[in-house]
PDB file of all heavy atoms in Angstrom:
ATOM      1  N   PRO A   1    -114.033 -42.904-152.561  1.00  0.00           N
ATOM      2  CA  PRO A   1    -115.399 -42.703-153.098  1.00  0.00           C
ATOM      3  C   PRO A   1    -115.704 -43.632-154.003  1.00  0.00           C
ATOM      4  O   PRO A   1    -114.855 -44.285-154.564  1.00  0.00           O
ATOM      5  CB  PRO A   1    -115.421 -41.349-153.622  1.00  0.00           C
ATOM      6  CG  PRO A   1    -114.015 -41.041-154.039  1.00  0.00           C
ATOM      7  CD  PRO A   1    -113.068 -41.712-153.029  1.00  0.00           C
ATOM      8  N   ALA A   2    -117.160 -43.925-154.139  1.00  0.00           N
ATOM      9  CA  ALA A   2    -117.567 -44.907-155.164  1.00  0.00           C
ATOM     10  C   ALA A   2    -117.214 -44.329-156.515  1.00  0.00           C
ATOM     11  O   ALA A   2    -116.974 -43.128-156.775  1.00  0.00           O
ATOM     12  CB  ALA A   2    -119.024 -45.023-155.027  1.00  0.00           C
ATOM     13  N   VAL A   3    -117.127 -45.275-157.509  1.00  0.00           N
ATOM     14  CA  VAL A   3    -116.724 -44.930-158.830  1.00  0.00           C
ATOM     15  C   VAL A   3    -117.807 -45.420-159.709  1.00  0.00           C
ATOM     16  O   VAL A   3    -118.240 -46.633-159.755  1.00  0.00           O
ATOM     17  CB  VAL A   3    -115.413 -45.595-159.296  1.00  0.00           C
ATOM     18  CG1 VAL A   3    -114.982 -45.215-160.688  1.00  0.00           C
ATOM     19  CG2 VAL A   3    -114.302 -44.987-158.272  1.00  0.00           C
ATOM     20  N   SER A   4    -118.364 -44.521-160.578  1.00  0.00           N
ATOM     21  CA  SER A   4    -119.289 -45.052-161.659  1.00  0.00           C
ATOM     22  C   SER A   4    -118.880 -44.178-163.017  1.00  0.00           C
ATOM     23  O   SER A   4    -119.172 -43.088-163.054  1.00  0.00           O
ATOM     24  CB  SER A   4    -120.783 -44.580-161.181  1.00  0.00           C
ATOM     25  OG  SER A   4    -121.655 -45.065-162.139  1.00  0.00           O
ATOM     26  N   GLU A   5    -118.325 -45.072-163.901  1.00  0.00           N
ATOM     27  CA  GLU A   5    -117.708 -44.546-165.110  1.00  0.00           C
ATOM     28  C   GLU A   5    -118.550 -45.137-166.198  1.00  0.00           C
ATOM     29  O   GLU A   5    -118.921 -46.240-166.089  1.00  0.00           O
ATOM     30  CB  GLU A   5    -116.287 -44.806-165.177  1.00  0.00           C
ATOM     31  CG  GLU A   5    -115.556 -44.009-164.232  1.00  0.00           C
ATOM     32  CD  GLU A   5    -115.355 -42.620-164.512  1.00  0.00           C
ATOM     33  OE1 GLU A   5    -115.450 -42.163-165.647  1.00  0.00           O
ATOM     34  OE2 GLU A   5    -115.142 -41.789-163.380  1.00  0.00           O
ATOM     35  N   PRO A   6    -118.780 -44.485-167.263  1.00  0.00           N
ATOM     36  CA  PRO A   6    -119.412 -45.099-168.557  1.00  0.00           C
ATOM     37  C   PRO A   6    -118.568 -46.403-169.059  1.00  0.00           C
ATOM     38  O   PRO A   6    -117.375 -46.264-168.950  1.00  0.00           O
ATOM     39  CB  PRO A   6    -119.418 -44.128-169.484  1.00  0.00           C
ATOM     40  CG  PRO A   6    -119.243 -42.784-168.881  1.00  0.00           C
ATOM     41  CD  PRO A   6    -118.524 -43.035-167.559  1.00  0.00           C
ATOM     42  N   PHE A   7    -119.163 -47.423-169.406  1.00  0.00           N
ATOM     43  CA  PHE A   7    -118.463 -48.586-169.919  1.00  0.00           C
ATOM     44  C   PHE A   7    -117.815 -49.325-168.836  1.00  0.00           C
ATOM     45  O   PHE A   7    -117.015 -50.335-169.283  1.00  0.00           O
ATOM     46  CB  PHE A   7    -117.733 -48.184-171.073  1.00  0.00           C
ATOM     47  CG  PHE A   7    -118.315 -47.454-172.091  1.00  0.00           C
ATOM     48  CD1 PHE A   7    -117.968 -46.086-172.378  1.00  0.00           C
ATOM     49  CD2 PHE A   7    -119.464 -47.959-172.944  1.00  0.00           C
ATOM     50  CE1 PHE A   7    -118.718 -45.391-173.323  1.00  0.00           C
ATOM     51  CE2 PHE A   7    -119.986 -47.257-173.897  1.00  0.00           C
ATOM     52  CZ  PHE A   7    -119.697 -45.883-174.091  1.00  0.00           C
ATOM     53  N   CYS A   8    -118.009 -49.156-167.597  1.00  0.00           N
ATOM     54  CA  CYS A   8    -117.262 -49.861-166.516  1.00  0.00           C
ATOM     55  C   CYS A   8    -118.252 -50.311-165.457  1.00  0.00           C
ATOM     56  O   CYS A   8    -119.361 -49.558-165.311  1.00  0.00           O
ATOM     57  CB  CYS A   8    -116.208 -48.977-165.945  1.00  0.00           C
ATOM     58  SG  CYS A   8    -114.705 -48.599-166.942  1.00  0.00           S
ATOM     59  N   ASP A   9    -117.999 -51.383-164.854  1.00  0.00           N
ATOM     60  CA  ASP A   9    -118.733 -51.835-163.671  1.00  0.00           C
ATOM     61  C   ASP A   9    -118.652 -50.854-162.646  1.00  0.00           C
ATOM     62  O   ASP A   9    -117.412 -50.375-162.260  1.00  0.00           O
ATOM     63  CB  ASP A   9    -118.486 -53.133-163.230  1.00  0.00           C
ATOM     64  CG  ASP A   9    -118.846 -54.296-164.200  1.00  0.00           C
ATOM     65  OD1 ASP A   9    -119.680 -53.974-165.145  1.00  0.00           O
ATOM     66  OD2 ASP A   9    -118.217 -55.431-164.184  1.00  0.00           O
ATOM     67  N   PRO A  10    -119.668 -50.373-161.865  1.00  0.00           N
ATOM     68  CA  PRO A  10    -119.569 -49.390-160.828  1.00  0.00           C
ATOM     69  C   PRO A  10    -118.829 -50.099-159.632  1.00  0.00           C
ATOM     70  O   PRO A  10    -118.854 -51.266-159.333  1.00  0.00           O
ATOM     71  CB  PRO A  10    -120.910 -49.045-160.329  1.00  0.00           C
ATOM     72  CG  PRO A  10    -121.806 -50.127-160.923  1.00  0.00           C
ATOM     73  CD  PRO A  10    -121.154 -50.772-162.163  1.00  0.00           C
ATOM     74  N   LEU A  11    -118.047 -49.294-158.935  1.00  0.00           N
ATOM     75  CA  LEU A  11    -117.396 -49.713-157.719  1.00  0.00           C
ATOM     76  C   LEU A  11    -117.806 -49.084-156.544  1.00  0.00           C
ATOM     77  O   LEU A  11    -118.012 -47.804-156.491  1.00  0.00           O
ATOM     78  CB  LEU A  11    -115.864 -49.458-157.753  1.00  0.00           C
ATOM     79  CG  LEU A  11    -115.092 -50.107-159.025  1.00  0.00           C
ATOM     80  CD1 LEU A  11    -113.663 -49.641-159.077  1.00  0.00           C
ATOM     81  CD2 LEU A  11    -115.013 -51.616-158.622  1.00  0.00           C
ATOM     82  N   PRO A  12    -118.219 -49.747-155.443  1.00  0.00           N
ATOM     83  CA  PRO A  12    -118.773 -49.076-154.201  1.00  0.00           C
ATOM     84  C   PRO A  12    -117.749 -48.252-153.510  1.00  0.00           C
ATOM     85  O   PRO A  12    -116.510 -48.490-153.721  1.00  0.00           O
ATOM     86  CB  PRO A  12    -119.298 -50.269-153.369  1.00  0.00           C
ATOM     87  CG  PRO A  12    -118.334 -51.447-153.801  1.00  0.00           C
ATOM     88  CD  PRO A  12    -118.066 -51.133-155.236  1.00  0.00           C
ATOM     89  N   GLU A  13    -118.228 -47.456-152.652  1.00  0.00           N
ATOM     90  CA  GLU A  13    -117.361 -46.779-151.781  1.00  0.00           C
ATOM     91  C   GLU A  13    -116.417 -47.699-150.851  1.00  0.00           C
ATOM     92  O   GLU A  13    -116.922 -48.815-150.520  1.00  0.00           O
ATOM     93  CB  GLU A  13    -118.171 -45.751-150.731  1.00  0.00           C
ATOM     94  CG  GLU A  13    -117.367 -45.138-149.778  1.00  0.00           C
ATOM     95  CD  GLU A  13    -118.255 -44.160-148.955  1.00  0.00           C
ATOM     96  OE1 GLU A  13    -119.381 -44.025-149.170  1.00  0.00           O
ATOM     97  OE2 GLU A  13    -117.427 -43.688-147.919  1.00  0.00           O
ATOM     98  N   GLY A  14    -115.138 -47.315-150.647  1.00  0.00           N
ATOM     99  CA  GLY A  14    -114.304 -48.379-149.943  1.00  0.00           C
ATOM    100  C   GLY A  14    -114.712 -48.481-148.498  1.00  0.00           C
ATOM    101  O   GLY A  14    -115.224 -47.323-147.944  1.00  0.00           O
ATOM    102  N   LYS A  15    -114.727 -49.567-147.871  1.00  0.00           N
ATOM    103  CA  LYS A  15    -115.065 -49.784-146.458  1.00  0.00           C
ATOM    104  C   LYS A  15    -114.000 -49.231-145.545  1.00  0.00           C
ATOM    105  O   LYS A  15    -112.782 -49.419-145.915  1.00  0.00           O
ATOM    106  CB  LYS A  15    -115.273 -51.316-146.329  1.00  0.00           C
ATOM    107  CG  LYS A  15    -115.832 -51.660-144.991  1.00  0.00           C
ATOM    108  CD  LYS A  15    -116.157 -53.094-144.798  1.00  0.00           C
ATOM    109  CE  LYS A  15    -116.813 -53.483-143.542  1.00  0.00           C
ATOM    110  NZ  LYS A  15    -117.259 -54.860-143.409  1.00  0.00           N
ATOM    111  N   ILE A  16    -114.258 -48.749-144.417  1.00  0.00           N
ATOM    112  CA  ILE A  16    -113.370 -48.168-143.575  1.00  0.00           C
ATOM    113  C   ILE A  16    -113.081 -49.310-142.434  1.00  0.00           C
ATOM    114  O   ILE A  16    -114.016 -49.835-141.946  1.00  0.00           O
ATOM    115  CB  ILE A  16    -113.903 -47.010-142.772  1.00  0.00           C
ATOM    116  CG1 ILE A  16    -114.045 -45.859-143.733  1.00  0.00           C
ATOM    117  CG2 ILE A  16    -112.969 -46.527-141.518  1.00  0.00           C
ATOM    118  CD1 ILE A  16    -114.699 -44.535-143.274  1.00  0.00           C
ATOM    119  N   TYR A  17    -111.797 -49.586-142.333  1.00  0.00           N
ATOM    120  CA  TYR A  17    -111.287 -50.570-141.282  1.00  0.00           C
ATOM    121  C   TYR A  17    -110.346 -49.869-140.274  1.00  0.00           C
ATOM    122  O   TYR A  17    -109.562 -49.031-140.712  1.00  0.00           O
ATOM    123  CB  TYR A  17    -110.561 -51.688-141.889  1.00  0.00           C
ATOM    124  CG  TYR A  17    -111.290 -52.619-142.756  1.00  0.00           C
ATOM    125  CD1 TYR A  17    -111.066 -52.534-144.154  1.00  0.00           C
ATOM    126  CD2 TYR A  17    -112.160 -53.498-142.180  1.00  0.00           C
ATOM    127  CE1 TYR A  17    -112.026 -53.447-144.966  1.00  0.00           C
ATOM    128  CE2 TYR A  17    -112.907 -54.407-142.925  1.00  0.00           C
ATOM    129  CZ  TYR A  17    -112.830 -54.355-144.365  1.00  0.00           C
ATOM    130  OH  TYR A  17    -113.497 -55.218-145.236  1.00  0.00           O
ATOM    131  N   LYS A  18    -110.421 -50.042-139.064  1.00  0.00           N
ATOM    132  CA  LYS A  18    -109.551 -49.556-138.143  1.00  0.00           C
ATOM    133  C   LYS A  18    -108.303 -50.362-138.053  1.00  0.00           C
ATOM    134  O   LYS A  18    -108.195 -51.188-137.010  1.00  0.00           O
ATOM    135  CB  LYS A  18    -110.267 -49.311-136.713  1.00  0.00           C
ATOM    136  CG  LYS A  18    -109.371 -48.645-135.654  1.00  0.00           C
ATOM    137  CD  LYS A  18    -110.066 -48.579-134.348  1.00  0.00           C
ATOM    138  CE  LYS A  18    -109.008 -47.913-133.302  1.00  0.00           C
ATOM    139  NZ  LYS A  18    -109.605 -48.098-131.951  1.00  0.00           N
ATOM    140  N   VAL A  19    -107.444 -50.016-138.859  1.00  0.00           N
ATOM    141  CA  VAL A  19    -106.142 -50.974-138.947  1.00  0.00           C
ATOM    142  C   VAL A  19    -105.183 -50.390-137.928  1.00  0.00           C
ATOM    143  O   VAL A  19    -104.890 -49.189-137.942  1.00  0.00           O
ATOM    144  CB  VAL A  19    -105.539 -50.810-140.350  1.00  0.00           C
ATOM    145  CG1 VAL A  19    -104.061 -51.432-140.405  1.00  0.00           C
ATOM    146  CG2 VAL A  19    -106.402 -51.463-141.409  1.00  0.00           C
ATOM    147  N   THR A  20    -104.718 -51.319-137.119  1.00  0.00           N
ATOM    148  CA  THR A  20    -103.802 -50.994-136.040  1.00  0.00           C
ATOM    149  C   THR A  20    -102.349 -51.502-136.059  1.00  0.00           C
ATOM    150  O   THR A  20    -101.444 -51.023-135.532  1.00  0.00           O
ATOM    151  CB  THR A  20    -104.308 -51.456-134.578  1.00  0.00           C
ATOM    152  OG1 THR A  20    -104.579 -52.808-134.852  1.00  0.00           O
ATOM    153  CG2 THR A  20    -105.536 -50.772-134.278  1.00  0.00           C
ATOM    154  N   ALA A  21    -102.182 -52.517-137.029  1.00  0.00           N
ATOM    155  CA  ALA A  21    -100.897 -53.004-137.272  1.00  0.00           C
ATOM    156  C   ALA A  21    -100.673 -53.663-138.641  1.00  0.00           C
ATOM    157  O   ALA A  21    -101.782 -53.903-139.276  1.00  0.00           O
ATOM    158  CB  ALA A  21    -100.623 -54.033-136.144  1.00  0.00           C
ATOM    159  N   ALA A  22     -99.484 -53.861-139.045  1.00  0.00           N
ATOM    160  CA  ALA A  22     -99.120 -54.615-140.385  1.00  0.00           C
ATOM    161  C   ALA A  22     -98.171 -55.776-140.050  1.00  0.00           C
ATOM    162  O   ALA A  22     -97.299 -55.434-139.280  1.00  0.00           O
ATOM    163  CB  ALA A  22     -98.702 -53.660-141.324  1.00  0.00           C
ATOM    164  N   ARG A  23     -98.517 -56.880-140.713  1.00  0.00           N
ATOM    165  CA  ARG A  23     -97.506 -57.922-140.625  1.00  0.00           C
ATOM    166  C   ARG A  23     -96.934 -58.343-141.869  1.00  0.00           C
ATOM    167  O   ARG A  23     -97.614 -58.402-142.910  1.00  0.00           O
ATOM    168  CB  ARG A  23     -98.194 -59.187-139.924  1.00  0.00           C
ATOM    169  CG  ARG A  23     -97.379 -60.380-139.716  1.00  0.00           C
ATOM    170  CD  ARG A  23     -98.198 -61.385-139.142  1.00  0.00           C
ATOM    171  NE  ARG A  23     -97.486 -62.711-139.068  1.00  0.00           N
ATOM    172  CZ  ARG A  23     -97.963 -63.972-138.973  1.00  0.00           C
ATOM    173  NH1 ARG A  23     -99.302 -63.941-138.820  1.00  0.00           N
ATOM    174  NH2 ARG A  23     -97.258 -65.066-138.904  1.00  0.00           N
ATOM    175  N   LEU A  24     -95.605 -58.626-141.983  1.00  0.00           N
ATOM    176  CA  LEU A  24     -94.995 -59.113-143.167  1.00  0.00           C
ATOM    177  C   LEU A  24     -94.158 -60.413-142.768  1.00  0.00           C
ATOM    178  O   LEU A  24     -93.491 -60.548-141.718  1.00  0.00           O
ATOM    179  CB  LEU A  24     -93.915 -58.049-143.649  1.00  0.00           C
ATOM    180  CG  LEU A  24     -93.086 -58.351-144.807  1.00  0.00           C
ATOM    181  CD1 LEU A  24     -93.950 -58.533-146.135  1.00  0.00           C
ATOM    182  CD2 LEU A  24     -92.017 -57.358-145.069  1.00  0.00           C
ATOM    183  N   ALA A  25     -94.270 -61.328-143.702  1.00  0.00           N
ATOM    184  CA  ALA A  25     -93.549 -62.554-143.572  1.00  0.00           C
ATOM    185  C   ALA A  25     -93.017 -62.983-145.019  1.00  0.00           C
ATOM    186  O   ALA A  25     -93.589 -63.147-145.977  1.00  0.00           O
ATOM    187  CB  ALA A  25     -94.449 -63.749-143.108  1.00  0.00           C
ATOM    188  N   VAL A  26     -91.534 -63.008-144.905  1.00  0.00           N
ATOM    189  CA  VAL A  26     -90.833 -63.492-146.222  1.00  0.00           C
ATOM    190  C   VAL A  26     -89.509 -63.948-145.867  1.00  0.00           C
ATOM    191  O   VAL A  26     -88.747 -63.391-144.977  1.00  0.00           O
ATOM    192  CB  VAL A  26     -90.684 -62.191-147.183  1.00  0.00           C
ATOM    193  CG1 VAL A  26     -90.025 -61.077-146.689  1.00  0.00           C
ATOM    194  CG2 VAL A  26     -90.066 -62.563-148.499  1.00  0.00           C
ATOM    195  N   GLN A  27     -89.064 -65.067-146.404  1.00  0.00           N
ATOM    196  CA  GLN A  27     -87.700 -65.591-146.235  1.00  0.00           C
ATOM    197  C   GLN A  27     -87.301 -65.631-144.751  1.00  0.00           C
ATOM    198  O   GLN A  27     -86.266 -65.322-144.495  1.00  0.00           O
ATOM    199  CB  GLN A  27     -86.691 -64.854-146.999  1.00  0.00           C
ATOM    200  CG  GLN A  27     -86.597 -64.927-148.455  1.00  0.00           C
ATOM    201  CD  GLN A  27     -85.546 -64.301-149.091  1.00  0.00           C
ATOM    202  OE1 GLN A  27     -84.710 -63.477-148.674  1.00  0.00           O
ATOM    203  NE2 GLN A  27     -85.359 -64.642-150.467  1.00  0.00           N
TER     204      GLN A  27
END
């Protein structure tokens, strides 16, 4: 959900993405 707190910049609601996979690359 969106966040709106005193003394902080408001943050919008998170965007929904249809994530189907994850990739990792290291060493």
